Amino acid sequence: MHGARLALTLTLPLPLPLPLPLPLPLPLPLPPPKVPVYGCTIEEGMTNYDSLATALGSPAPCVPVLAGCTESSSSTYAASANTDDASCAYDVFGCMLAGAPGRFEP
């Protein structure tokens, strides 16, 4: 059988969506794992709230507000206070008798 030809016909499913969108969308890379930002995440009643913190705890645990007089020269000084509440009072020594000579008159 010299000179015989073989014909081959391929049938494709039609219709094809033409034109094909190029470039083809590639899968996005996975985001890097989130690293926690430690700090105080409790806003109310804490002195060191951190709006950027994503995890509560070390190295910056929350410090509660302890109101009181923070001025060490005051007679009402509160050593444990970390927030001044305007309660400081000062002793004034001297004569309290009205009209007395040398009396301090504020």
C-alpha atoms as a PDB file:
ATOM      1  CA  MET A   1       0.000   0.000   0.000  1.00  0.00           C
ATOM      2  CA  HIS A   2       2.296   2.564  -1.135  1.00  0.00           C
ATOM      3  CA  GLY A   3       0.926   6.014  -1.616  1.00  0.00           C
ATOM      4  CA  ALA A   4      -2.074   5.559   0.663  1.00  0.00           C
ATOM      5  CA  ARG A   5      -2.878   8.444   2.961  1.00  0.00           C
ATOM      6  CA  LEU A   6      -4.553   8.347   6.295  1.00  0.00           C
ATOM      7  CA  ALA A   7      -6.799  11.280   7.195  1.00  0.00           C
ATOM      8  CA  LEU A   8      -7.377  12.106  10.862  1.00  0.00           C
ATOM      9  CA  THR A   9     -10.119  14.467  11.999  1.00  0.00           C
ATOM     10  CA  LEU A  10     -10.245  15.903  15.545  1.00  0.00           C
ATOM     11  CA  THR A  11     -13.462  17.242  16.976  1.00  0.00           C
ATOM     12  CA  LEU A  12     -13.211  19.852  19.765  1.00  0.00           C
ATOM     13  CA  PRO A  13     -16.070  20.866  22.025  1.00  0.00           C
ATOM     14  CA  LEU A  14     -17.509  24.103  20.734  1.00  0.00           C
ATOM     15  CA  PRO A  15     -17.997  26.963  21.353  1.00  0.00           C
ATOM     16  CA  LEU A  16     -14.663  27.960  22.860  1.00  0.00           C
ATOM     17  CA  PRO A  17     -14.604  31.190  24.868  1.00  0.00           C
ATOM     18  CA  LEU A  18     -12.582  33.364  22.567  1.00  0.00           C
ATOM     19  CA  PRO A  19     -10.519  35.357  23.088  1.00  0.00           C
ATOM     20  CA  LEU A  20      -8.980  33.779  26.175  1.00  0.00           C
ATOM     21  CA  PRO A  21      -8.228  36.297  28.954  1.00  0.00           C
ATOM     22  CA  LEU A  22      -4.521  36.939  29.127  1.00  0.00           C
ATOM     23  CA  PRO A  23      -2.647  36.961  31.359  1.00  0.00           C
ATOM     24  CA  LEU A  24      -4.366  34.225  33.275  1.00  0.00           C
ATOM     25  CA  PRO A  25      -4.887  35.165  36.952  1.00  0.00           C
ATOM     26  CA  LEU A  26      -2.320  33.566  39.178  1.00  0.00           C
ATOM     27  CA  PRO A  27      -3.094  32.439  42.721  1.00  0.00           C
ATOM     28  CA  LEU A  28      -2.124  35.074  45.262  1.00  0.00           C
ATOM     29  CA  PRO A  29       0.695  34.162  47.644  1.00  0.00           C
ATOM     30  CA  LEU A  30      -0.322  33.307  51.169  1.00  0.00           C
ATOM     31  CA  PRO A  31       0.062  36.188  53.624  1.00  0.00           C
ATOM     32  CA  PRO A  32       2.887  35.822  56.121  1.00  0.00           C
ATOM     33  CA  PRO A  33       1.849  34.504  59.527  1.00  0.00           C
ATOM     34  CA  LYS A  34       0.790  37.227  61.928  1.00  0.00           C
ATOM     35  CA  VAL A  35       3.268  37.936  64.686  1.00  0.00           C
ATOM     36  CA  PRO A  36       1.471  38.960  67.872  1.00  0.00           C
ATOM     37  CA  VAL A  37       2.101  42.445  69.217  1.00  0.00           C
ATOM     38  CA  TYR A  38       1.995  42.096  72.981  1.00  0.00           C
ATOM     39  CA  GLY A  39       0.692  44.878  75.169  1.00  0.00           C
ATOM     40  CA  CYS A  40      -2.276  46.045  77.150  1.00  0.00           C
ATOM     41  CA  THR A  41      -5.438  45.496  75.086  1.00  0.00           C
ATOM     42  CA  ILE A  42      -7.834  46.695  77.809  1.00  0.00           C
ATOM     43  CA  GLU A  43      -8.658  50.354  77.194  1.00  0.00           C
ATOM     44  CA  GLU A  44     -10.859  51.280  80.125  1.00  0.00           C
ATOM     45  CA  GLY A  45      -9.217  51.790  83.516  1.00  0.00           C
ATOM     46  CA  MET A  46      -5.640  51.061  82.421  1.00  0.00           C
ATOM     47  CA  THR A  47      -2.747  53.510  82.222  1.00  0.00           C
ATOM     48  CA  ASN A  48      -0.849  51.740  79.453  1.00  0.00           C
ATOM     49  CA  TYR A  49      -3.503  50.764  76.875  1.00  0.00           C
ATOM     50  CA  ASP A  50      -1.825  50.088  73.519  1.00  0.00           C
ATOM     51  CA  SER A  51      -4.075  50.467  70.462  1.00  0.00           C
ATOM     52  CA  LEU A  52      -1.538  48.550  68.336  1.00  0.00           C
ATOM     53  CA  ALA A  53      -1.429  45.503  70.617  1.00  0.00           C
ATOM     54  CA  THR A  54      -3.008  42.334  69.270  1.00  0.00           C
ATOM     55  CA  ALA A  55      -2.269  40.056  72.245  1.00  0.00           C
ATOM     56  CA  LEU A  56      -2.593  40.700  75.960  1.00  0.00           C
ATOM     57  CA  GLY A  57       0.433  40.081  78.112  1.00  0.00           C
ATOM     58  CA  SER A  58       4.155  40.213  78.429  1.00  0.00           C
ATOM     59  CA  PRO A  59       6.271  42.254  78.074  1.00  0.00           C
ATOM     60  CA  ALA A  60       3.666  44.938  78.859  1.00  0.00           C
ATOM     61  CA  PRO A  61       0.896  43.677  81.117  1.00  0.00           C
ATOM     62  CA  CYS A  62      -1.944  46.077  81.860  1.00  0.00           C
ATOM     63  CA  VAL A  63      -1.386  48.553  84.686  1.00  0.00           C
ATOM     64  CA  PRO A  64      -4.609  49.683  86.396  1.00  0.00           C
ATOM     65  CA  VAL A  65      -5.234  53.339  87.148  1.00  0.00           C
ATOM     66  CA  LEU A  66      -4.518  54.084  90.816  1.00  0.00           C
ATOM     67  CA  ALA A  67      -5.771  57.613  91.405  1.00  0.00           C
ATOM     68  CA  GLY A  68      -4.341  59.778  94.160  1.00  0.00           C
ATOM     69  CA  CYS A  69      -1.893  62.549  94.935  1.00  0.00           C
ATOM     70  CA  THR A  70       1.361  61.950  93.050  1.00  0.00           C
ATOM     71  CA  GLU A  71       3.280  64.984  94.411  1.00  0.00           C
ATOM     72  CA  SER A  72       5.728  63.665  97.005  1.00  0.00           C
ATOM     73  CA  SER A  73       5.950  67.010  98.854  1.00  0.00           C
ATOM     74  CA  SER A  74       2.214  66.949  99.598  1.00  0.00           C
ATOM     75  CA  SER A  75       0.870  65.915 102.993  1.00  0.00           C
ATOM     76  CA  THR A  76      -1.655  63.695 101.154  1.00  0.00           C
ATOM     77  CA  TYR A  77       0.940  61.979  98.931  1.00  0.00           C
ATOM     78  CA  ALA A  78      -0.078  58.453  97.880  1.00  0.00           C
ATOM     79  CA  ALA A  79       3.030  56.459  96.953  1.00  0.00           C
ATOM     80  CA  SER A  80       0.978  53.804  95.147  1.00  0.00           C
ATOM     81  CA  ALA A  81      -0.860  56.332  92.935  1.00  0.00           C
ATOM     82  CA  ASN A  82       0.109  56.445  89.257  1.00  0.00           C
ATOM     83  CA  THR A  83      -2.514  58.985  88.136  1.00  0.00           C
ATOM     84  CA  ASP A  84      -2.885  62.393  89.786  1.00  0.00           C
ATOM     85  CA  ASP A  85      -6.463  63.171  90.821  1.00  0.00           C
ATOM     86  CA  ALA A  86      -5.862  66.741  92.082  1.00  0.00           C
ATOM     87  CA  SER A  87      -6.285  65.647  95.710  1.00  0.00           C
ATOM     88  CA  CYS A  88      -2.911  66.972  96.859  1.00  0.00           C
ATOM     89  CA  ALA A  89      -3.016  69.164  99.954  1.00  0.00           C
ATOM     90  CA  TYR A  90      -0.145  71.062 101.528  1.00  0.00           C
ATOM     91  CA  ASP A  91       0.395  71.929 105.166  1.00  0.00           C
ATOM     92  CA  VAL A  92       0.925  75.646 105.822  1.00  0.00           C
ATOM     93  CA  PHE A  93       2.526  76.359 109.159  1.00  0.00           C
ATOM     94  CA  GLY A  94       2.029  79.645 110.895  1.00  0.00           C
ATOM     95  CA  CYS A  95      -0.441  81.693 112.840  1.00  0.00           C
ATOM     96  CA  MET A  96      -4.077  81.087 111.924  1.00  0.00           C
ATOM     97  CA  LEU A  97      -5.472  83.958 114.035  1.00  0.00           C
ATOM     98  CA  ALA A  98      -7.119  86.563 111.798  1.00  0.00           C
ATOM     99  CA  GLY A  99      -5.358  89.928 111.934  1.00  0.00           C
ATOM    100  CA  ALA A 100      -2.316  88.610 113.808  1.00  0.00           C
ATOM    101  CA  PRO A 101       1.028  90.206 112.838  1.00  0.00           C
ATOM    102  CA  GLY A 102       2.983  88.075 110.375  1.00  0.00           C
ATOM    103  CA  ARG A 103      -0.047  85.994 109.403  1.00  0.00           C
ATOM    104  CA  PHE A 104       0.060  84.732 105.829  1.00  0.00           C
ATOM    105  CA  GLU A 105      -2.963  85.939 103.850  1.00  0.00           C
ATOM    106  CA  PRO A 106      -3.357  84.104 100.530  1.00  0.00           C
END
